[in-house]
Amino acid sequence: MEVKRMYVLPEGRNQGIASKVLAELEAWAQELAYARCILETGLKQPEAIGLYQKSGYQQIPNYAQYAGVENSVCFEKVL
């Protein structure tokens, strides 16, 4: 399953909301029998990169439309 367009309003940040949303998405993906989650974010989004790494995601080669895009970084987590 590909995770797309996660966003938390600035006043809701640093409260664990993004981690909870991501965990719920992963649980949903497992219920649907997906074996992994993949996603893309920008290199200029260090908070997002930190969230994904903290949540157990590993960097992978850029996939599909992100292949060759220098400002993109892709991750996956095996569920």
PDB file of N, CA and C in Angstrom:
ATOM      1  N   MET A   1       0.844  -1.165   0.000  1.00  0.00           N
ATOM      2  CA  MET A   1       0.000   0.000   0.000  1.00  0.00           C
ATOM      3  C   MET A   1       0.898   1.240   0.000  1.00  0.00           C
ATOM      4  N   GLU A   2       0.514   2.228  -0.775  1.00  0.00           N
ATOM      5  CA  GLU A   2       1.270   3.486  -0.806  1.00  0.00           C
ATOM      6  C   GLU A   2       0.578   4.528   0.060  1.00  0.00           C
ATOM      7  N   VAL A   3       1.326   5.110   0.965  1.00  0.00           N
ATOM      8  CA  VAL A   3       0.831   6.185   1.826  1.00  0.00           C
ATOM      9  C   VAL A   3       1.051   7.499   1.081  1.00  0.00           C
ATOM     10  N   LYS A   4      -0.014   8.303   0.977  1.00  0.00           N
ATOM     11  CA  LYS A   4       0.073   9.561   0.234  1.00  0.00           C
ATOM     12  C   LYS A   4      -0.456  10.718   1.071  1.00  0.00           C
ATOM     13  N   ARG A   5       0.170  11.865   0.949  1.00  0.00           N
ATOM     14  CA  ARG A   5      -0.351  13.148   1.420  1.00  0.00           C
ATOM     15  C   ARG A   5      -0.724  13.223   2.898  1.00  0.00           C
ATOM     16  N   MET A   6       0.159  12.817   3.763  1.00  0.00           N
ATOM     17  CA  MET A   6      -0.082  13.012   5.193  1.00  0.00           C
ATOM     18  C   MET A   6       0.215  14.460   5.552  1.00  0.00           C
ATOM     19  N   TYR A   7      -0.619  15.037   6.417  1.00  0.00           N
ATOM     20  CA  TYR A   7      -0.421  16.422   6.832  1.00  0.00           C
ATOM     21  C   TYR A   7      -1.087  16.651   8.180  1.00  0.00           C
ATOM     22  N   VAL A   8      -0.375  17.333   9.066  1.00  0.00           N
ATOM     23  CA  VAL A   8      -0.917  17.748  10.348  1.00  0.00           C
ATOM     24  C   VAL A   8      -0.785  19.264  10.416  1.00  0.00           C
ATOM     25  N   LEU A   9      -1.865  19.924  10.788  1.00  0.00           N
ATOM     26  CA  LEU A   9      -1.831  21.377  10.920  1.00  0.00           C
ATOM     27  C   LEU A   9      -0.736  21.794  11.903  1.00  0.00           C
ATOM     28  N   PRO A  10      -0.110  22.942  11.665  1.00  0.00           N
ATOM     29  CA  PRO A  10       0.989  23.371  12.540  1.00  0.00           C
ATOM     30  C   PRO A  10       0.635  23.353  14.033  1.00  0.00           C
ATOM     31  N   GLU A  11      -0.573  23.765  14.388  1.00  0.00           N
ATOM     32  CA  GLU A  11      -0.934  23.790  15.809  1.00  0.00           C
ATOM     33  C   GLU A  11      -1.125  22.395  16.402  1.00  0.00           C
ATOM     34  N   GLY A  12      -1.176  21.375  15.568  1.00  0.00           N
ATOM     35  CA  GLY A  12      -1.312  20.011  16.050  1.00  0.00           C
ATOM     36  C   GLY A  12      -0.014  19.225  16.040  1.00  0.00           C
ATOM     37  N   ARG A  13       1.058  19.845  15.646  1.00  0.00           N
ATOM     38  CA  ARG A  13       2.337  19.127  15.531  1.00  0.00           C
ATOM     39  C   ARG A  13       2.994  18.928  16.895  1.00  0.00           C
ATOM     40  N   ASN A  14       3.928  17.987  16.935  1.00  0.00           N
ATOM     41  CA  ASN A  14       4.679  17.632  18.144  1.00  0.00           C
ATOM     42  C   ASN A  14       3.771  17.109  19.252  1.00  0.00           C
ATOM     43  N   GLN A  15       2.686  16.478  18.869  1.00  0.00           N
ATOM     44  CA  GLN A  15       1.770  15.889  19.830  1.00  0.00           C
ATOM     45  C   GLN A  15       1.552  14.398  19.551  1.00  0.00           C
ATOM     46  N   GLY A  16       2.296  13.853  18.604  1.00  0.00           N
ATOM     47  CA  GLY A  16       2.171  12.436  18.277  1.00  0.00           C
ATOM     48  C   GLY A  16       1.043  12.101  17.319  1.00  0.00           C
ATOM     49  N   ILE A  17       0.399  13.113  16.774  1.00  0.00           N
ATOM     50  CA  ILE A  17      -0.740  12.870  15.879  1.00  0.00           C
ATOM     51  C   ILE A  17      -0.299  12.143  14.613  1.00  0.00           C
ATOM     52  N   ALA A  18       0.770  12.610  13.986  1.00  0.00           N
ATOM     53  CA  ALA A  18       1.236  11.981  12.742  1.00  0.00           C
ATOM     54  C   ALA A  18       1.612  10.523  12.976  1.00  0.00           C
ATOM     55  N   SER A  19       2.247  10.235  14.099  1.00  0.00           N
ATOM     56  CA  SER A  19       2.613   8.845  14.410  1.00  0.00           C
ATOM     57  C   SER A  19       1.371   7.980  14.565  1.00  0.00           C
ATOM     58  N   LYS A  20       0.337   8.523  15.207  1.00  0.00           N
ATOM     59  CA  LYS A  20      -0.904   7.771  15.389  1.00  0.00           C
ATOM     60  C   LYS A  20      -1.612   7.536  14.056  1.00  0.00           C
ATOM     61  N   VAL A  21      -1.648   8.557  13.203  1.00  0.00           N
ATOM     62  CA  VAL A  21      -2.279   8.408  11.892  1.00  0.00           C
ATOM     63  C   VAL A  21      -1.534   7.344  11.087  1.00  0.00           C
ATOM     64  N   LEU A  22      -0.210   7.424  11.087  1.00  0.00           N
ATOM     65  CA  LEU A  22       0.591   6.458  10.335  1.00  0.00           C
ATOM     66  C   LEU A  22       0.375   5.040  10.869  1.00  0.00           C
ATOM     67  N   ALA A  23       0.334   4.883  12.175  1.00  0.00           N
ATOM     68  CA  ALA A  23       0.106   3.556  12.766  1.00  0.00           C
ATOM     69  C   ALA A  23      -1.267   3.006  12.375  1.00  0.00           C
ATOM     70  N   GLU A  24      -2.272   3.857  12.326  1.00  0.00           N
ATOM     71  CA  GLU A  24      -3.608   3.416  11.914  1.00  0.00           C
ATOM     72  C   GLU A  24      -3.623   3.008  10.438  1.00  0.00           C
ATOM     73  N   LEU A  25      -2.918   3.763   9.609  1.00  0.00           N
ATOM     74  CA  LEU A  25      -2.825   3.400   8.190  1.00  0.00           C
ATOM     75  C   LEU A  25      -2.138   2.051   8.021  1.00  0.00           C
ATOM     76  N   GLU A  26      -1.083   1.824   8.796  1.00  0.00           N
ATOM     77  CA  GLU A  26      -0.384   0.540   8.731  1.00  0.00           C
ATOM     78  C   GLU A  26      -1.288  -0.605   9.197  1.00  0.00           C
ATOM     79  N   ALA A  27      -2.048  -0.377  10.251  1.00  0.00           N
ATOM     80  CA  ALA A  27      -2.977  -1.404  10.738  1.00  0.00           C
ATOM     81  C   ALA A  27      -4.035  -1.713   9.685  1.00  0.00           C
ATOM     82  N   TRP A  28      -4.534  -0.686   9.043  1.00  0.00           N
ATOM     83  CA  TRP A  28      -5.523  -0.862   7.974  1.00  0.00           C
ATOM     84  C   TRP A  28      -4.923  -1.653   6.817  1.00  0.00           C
ATOM     85  N   ALA A  29      -3.684  -1.312   6.449  1.00  0.00           N
ATOM     86  CA  ALA A  29      -3.009  -2.035   5.367  1.00  0.00           C
ATOM     87  C   ALA A  29      -2.871  -3.515   5.720  1.00  0.00           C
ATOM     88  N   GLN A  30      -2.545  -3.814   6.967  1.00  0.00           N
ATOM     89  CA  GLN A  30      -2.434  -5.211   7.395  1.00  0.00           C
ATOM     90  C   GLN A  30      -3.784  -5.913   7.307  1.00  0.00           C
ATOM     91  N   GLU A  31      -4.847  -5.227   7.713  1.00  0.00           N
ATOM     92  CA  GLU A  31      -6.189  -5.815   7.623  1.00  0.00           C
ATOM     93  C   GLU A  31      -6.543  -6.153   6.179  1.00  0.00           C
ATOM     94  N   LEU A  32      -6.031  -5.355   5.255  1.00  0.00           N
ATOM     95  CA  LEU A  32      -6.289  -5.577   3.834  1.00  0.00           C
ATOM     96  C   LEU A  32      -5.277  -6.536   3.203  1.00  0.00           C
ATOM     97  N   ALA A  33      -4.434  -7.136   4.036  1.00  0.00           N
ATOM     98  CA  ALA A  33      -3.450  -8.156   3.632  1.00  0.00           C
ATOM     99  C   ALA A  33      -2.299  -7.608   2.803  1.00  0.00           C
ATOM    100  N   TYR A  34      -1.976  -6.336   2.970  1.00  0.00           N
ATOM    101  CA  TYR A  34      -0.774  -5.804   2.334  1.00  0.00           C
ATOM    102  C   TYR A  34       0.440  -6.240   3.142  1.00  0.00           C
ATOM    103  N   ALA A  35       1.540  -6.504   2.460  1.00  0.00           N
ATOM    104  CA  ALA A  35       2.759  -6.958   3.125  1.00  0.00           C
ATOM    105  C   ALA A  35       3.684  -5.809   3.492  1.00  0.00           C
ATOM    106  N   ARG A  36       3.468  -4.635   2.874  1.00  0.00           N
ATOM    107  CA  ARG A  36       4.350  -3.499   3.144  1.00  0.00           C
ATOM    108  C   ARG A  36       3.635  -2.194   2.822  1.00  0.00           C
ATOM    109  N   CYS A  37       4.186  -1.134   3.369  1.00  0.00           N
ATOM    110  CA  CYS A  37       3.761   0.228   3.021  1.00  0.00           C
ATOM    111  C   CYS A  37       4.952   0.917   2.374  1.00  0.00           C
ATOM    112  N   ILE A  38       4.684   1.688   1.331  1.00  0.00           N
ATOM    113  CA  ILE A  38       5.725   2.490   0.693  1.00  0.00           C
ATOM    114  C   ILE A  38       5.240   3.935   0.661  1.00  0.00           C
ATOM    115  N   LEU A  39       6.201   4.842   0.548  1.00  0.00           N
ATOM    116  CA  LEU A  39       5.849   6.255   0.488  1.00  0.00           C
ATOM    117  C   LEU A  39       7.003   7.059  -0.060  1.00  0.00           C
ATOM    118  N   GLU A  40       6.686   8.296  -0.423  1.00  0.00           N
ATOM    119  CA  GLU A  40       7.666   9.250  -0.933  1.00  0.00           C
ATOM    120  C   GLU A  40       7.504  10.547  -0.176  1.00  0.00           C
ATOM    121  N   THR A  41       8.620  11.202   0.094  1.00  0.00           N
ATOM    122  CA  THR A  41       8.604  12.546   0.657  1.00  0.00           C
ATOM    123  C   THR A  41       9.749  13.335   0.034  1.00  0.00           C
ATOM    124  N   GLY A  42       9.807  14.606   0.354  1.00  0.00           N
ATOM    125  CA  GLY A  42      10.852  15.459  -0.206  1.00  0.00           C
ATOM    126  C   GLY A  42      12.056  15.550   0.707  1.00  0.00           C
ATOM    127  N   LEU A  43      13.214  15.715   0.114  1.00  0.00           N
ATOM    128  CA  LEU A  43      14.436  15.878   0.902  1.00  0.00           C
ATOM    129  C   LEU A  43      14.371  17.127   1.774  1.00  0.00           C
ATOM    130  N   LYS A  44      13.567  18.095   1.396  1.00  0.00           N
ATOM    131  CA  LYS A  44      13.447  19.334   2.170  1.00  0.00           C
ATOM    132  C   LYS A  44      12.375  19.223   3.255  1.00  0.00           C
ATOM    133  N   GLN A  45      12.008  17.998   3.611  1.00  0.00           N
ATOM    134  CA  GLN A  45      11.016  17.759   4.663  1.00  0.00           C
ATOM    135  C   GLN A  45      11.628  16.876   5.759  1.00  0.00           C
ATOM    136  N   PRO A  46      12.607  17.421   6.492  1.00  0.00           N
ATOM    137  CA  PRO A  46      13.315  16.601   7.486  1.00  0.00           C
ATOM    138  C   PRO A  46      12.408  16.073   8.594  1.00  0.00           C
ATOM    139  N   GLU A  47      11.340  16.797   8.931  1.00  0.00           N
ATOM    140  CA  GLU A  47      10.424  16.309   9.968  1.00  0.00           C
ATOM    141  C   GLU A  47       9.714  15.042   9.501  1.00  0.00           C
ATOM    142  N   ALA A  48       9.301  15.039   8.242  1.00  0.00           N
ATOM    143  CA  ALA A  48       8.638  13.855   7.683  1.00  0.00           C
ATOM    144  C   ALA A  48       9.615  12.681   7.619  1.00  0.00           C
ATOM    145  N   ILE A  49      10.821  12.941   7.165  1.00  0.00           N
ATOM    146  CA  ILE A  49      11.830  11.884   7.090  1.00  0.00           C
ATOM    147  C   ILE A  49      12.073  11.302   8.478  1.00  0.00           C
ATOM    148  N   GLY A  50      12.189  12.166   9.483  1.00  0.00           N
ATOM    149  CA  GLY A  50      12.392  11.710  10.856  1.00  0.00           C
ATOM    150  C   GLY A  50      11.230  10.863  11.357  1.00  0.00           C
ATOM    151  N   LEU A  51      10.008  11.278  11.042  1.00  0.00           N
ATOM    152  CA  LEU A  51       8.824  10.512  11.438  1.00  0.00           C
ATOM    153  C   LEU A  51       8.877   9.112  10.844  1.00  0.00           C
ATOM    154  N   TYR A  52       9.152   9.020   9.561  1.00  0.00           N
ATOM    155  CA  TYR A  52       9.155   7.714   8.907  1.00  0.00           C
ATOM    156  C   TYR A  52      10.273   6.829   9.448  1.00  0.00           C
ATOM    157  N   GLN A  53      11.447   7.392   9.649  1.00  0.00           N
ATOM    158  CA  GLN A  53      12.549   6.599  10.196  1.00  0.00           C
ATOM    159  C   GLN A  53      12.234   6.135  11.613  1.00  0.00           C
ATOM    160  N   LYS A  54      11.678   7.029  12.438  1.00  0.00           N
ATOM    161  CA  LYS A  54      11.302   6.689  13.811  1.00  0.00           C
ATOM    162  C   LYS A  54      10.233   5.598  13.830  1.00  0.00           C
ATOM    163  N   SER A  55       9.424   5.562  12.778  1.00  0.00           N
ATOM    164  CA  SER A  55       8.328   4.588  12.686  1.00  0.00           C
ATOM    165  C   SER A  55       8.747   3.274  12.043  1.00  0.00           C
ATOM    166  N   GLY A  56      10.037   3.120  11.767  1.00  0.00           N
ATOM    167  CA  GLY A  56      10.535   1.842  11.256  1.00  0.00           C
ATOM    168  C   GLY A  56      10.646   1.724   9.753  1.00  0.00           C
ATOM    169  N   TYR A  57      10.519   2.832   9.042  1.00  0.00           N
ATOM    170  CA  TYR A  57      10.644   2.808   7.585  1.00  0.00           C
ATOM    171  C   TYR A  57      12.114   2.851   7.199  1.00  0.00           C
ATOM    172  N   GLN A  58      12.429   2.130   6.127  1.00  0.00           N
ATOM    173  CA  GLN A  58      13.781   2.086   5.583  1.00  0.00           C
ATOM    174  C   GLN A  58      13.786   2.757   4.220  1.00  0.00           C
ATOM    175  N   GLN A  59      14.849   3.511   3.947  1.00  0.00           N
ATOM    176  CA  GLN A  59      14.952   4.162   2.642  1.00  0.00           C
ATOM    177  C   GLN A  59      15.145   3.108   1.555  1.00  0.00           C
ATOM    178  N   ILE A  60      14.456   3.319   0.437  1.00  0.00           N
ATOM    179  CA  ILE A  60      14.546   2.424  -0.723  1.00  0.00           C
ATOM    180  C   ILE A  60      14.841   3.274  -1.957  1.00  0.00           C
ATOM    181  N   PRO A  61      15.257   2.642  -3.057  1.00  0.00           N
ATOM    182  CA  PRO A  61      15.430   3.413  -4.293  1.00  0.00           C
ATOM    183  C   PRO A  61      14.102   4.058  -4.703  1.00  0.00           C
ATOM    184  N   ASN A  62      14.198   5.238  -5.280  1.00  0.00           N
ATOM    185  CA  ASN A  62      12.989   5.918  -5.753  1.00  0.00           C
ATOM    186  C   ASN A  62      12.274   5.048  -6.768  1.00  0.00           C
ATOM    187  N   TYR A  63      10.963   4.953  -6.634  1.00  0.00           N
ATOM    188  CA  TYR A  63      10.155   4.069  -7.455  1.00  0.00           C
ATOM    189  C   TYR A  63       9.227   4.870  -8.368  1.00  0.00           C
ATOM    190  N   ALA A  64       8.735   4.186  -9.382  1.00  0.00           N
ATOM    191  CA  ALA A  64       7.709   4.701 -10.312  1.00  0.00           C
ATOM    192  C   ALA A  64       8.012   6.136 -10.733  1.00  0.00           C
ATOM    193  N   GLN A  65       7.050   7.028 -10.526  1.00  0.00           N
ATOM    194  CA  GLN A  65       7.198   8.414 -10.999  1.00  0.00           C
ATOM    195  C   GLN A  65       8.293   9.178 -10.262  1.00  0.00           C
ATOM    196  N   TYR A  66       8.813   8.627  -9.152  1.00  0.00           N
ATOM    197  CA  TYR A  66       9.855   9.309  -8.388  1.00  0.00           C
ATOM    198  C   TYR A  66      11.263   8.897  -8.816  1.00  0.00           C
ATOM    199  N   ALA A  67      11.384   7.880  -9.659  1.00  0.00           N
ATOM    200  CA  ALA A  67      12.693   7.438 -10.138  1.00  0.00           C
ATOM    201  C   ALA A  67      13.377   8.591 -10.854  1.00  0.00           C
ATOM    202  N   GLY A  68      14.594   8.879 -10.439  1.00  0.00           N
ATOM    203  CA  GLY A  68      15.361   9.947 -11.068  1.00  0.00           C
ATOM    204  C   GLY A  68      15.040  11.349 -10.562  1.00  0.00           C
ATOM    205  N   VAL A  69      14.110  11.480  -9.627  1.00  0.00           N
ATOM    206  CA  VAL A  69      13.769  12.791  -9.074  1.00  0.00           C
ATOM    207  C   VAL A  69      14.705  13.067  -7.902  1.00  0.00           C
ATOM    208  N   GLU A  70      15.573  14.055  -8.066  1.00  0.00           N
ATOM    209  CA  GLU A  70      16.622  14.315  -7.081  1.00  0.00           C
ATOM    210  C   GLU A  70      16.091  14.772  -5.731  1.00  0.00           C
ATOM    211  N   ASN A  71      14.964  15.453  -5.691  1.00  0.00           N
ATOM    212  CA  ASN A  71      14.441  15.988  -4.432  1.00  0.00           C
ATOM    213  C   ASN A  71      13.528  15.017  -3.699  1.00  0.00           C
ATOM    214  N   SER A  72      13.348  13.822  -4.238  1.00  0.00           N
ATOM    215  CA  SER A  72      12.479  12.825  -3.611  1.00  0.00           C
ATOM    216  C   SER A  72      13.304  11.781  -2.877  1.00  0.00           C
ATOM    217  N   VAL A  73      12.722  11.272  -1.807  1.00  0.00           N
ATOM    218  CA  VAL A  73      13.299  10.141  -1.085  1.00  0.00           C
ATOM    219  C   VAL A  73      12.140   9.194  -0.775  1.00  0.00           C
ATOM    220  N   CYS A  74      12.366   7.900  -1.003  1.00  0.00           N
ATOM    221  CA  CYS A  74      11.302   6.904  -0.838  1.00  0.00           C
ATOM    222  C   CYS A  74      11.651   5.950   0.299  1.00  0.00           C
ATOM    223  N   PHE A  75      10.603   5.455   0.951  1.00  0.00           N
ATOM    224  CA  PHE A  75      10.741   4.569   2.108  1.00  0.00           C
ATOM    225  C   PHE A  75       9.757   3.405   1.988  1.00  0.00           C
ATOM    226  N   GLU A  76      10.070   2.335   2.720  1.00  0.00           N
ATOM    227  CA  GLU A  76       9.134   1.217   2.857  1.00  0.00           C
ATOM    228  C   GLU A  76       9.224   0.666   4.258  1.00  0.00           C
ATOM    229  N   LYS A  77       8.128   0.049   4.664  1.00  0.00           N
ATOM    230  CA  LYS A  77       8.085  -0.676   5.933  1.00  0.00           C
ATOM    231  C   LYS A  77       7.382  -1.999   5.675  1.00  0.00           C
ATOM    232  N   VAL A  78       8.050  -3.067   6.033  1.00  0.00           N
ATOM    233  CA  VAL A  78       7.451  -4.392   5.924  1.00  0.00           C
ATOM    234  C   VAL A  78       6.529  -4.556   7.136  1.00  0.00           C
ATOM    235  N   LEU A  79       5.306  -4.955   6.852  1.00  0.00           N
ATOM    236  CA  LEU A  79       4.295  -5.053   7.907  1.00  0.00           C
ATOM    237  C   LEU A  79       4.275  -6.427   8.558  1.00  0.00           C
TER     238      LEU A  79
END
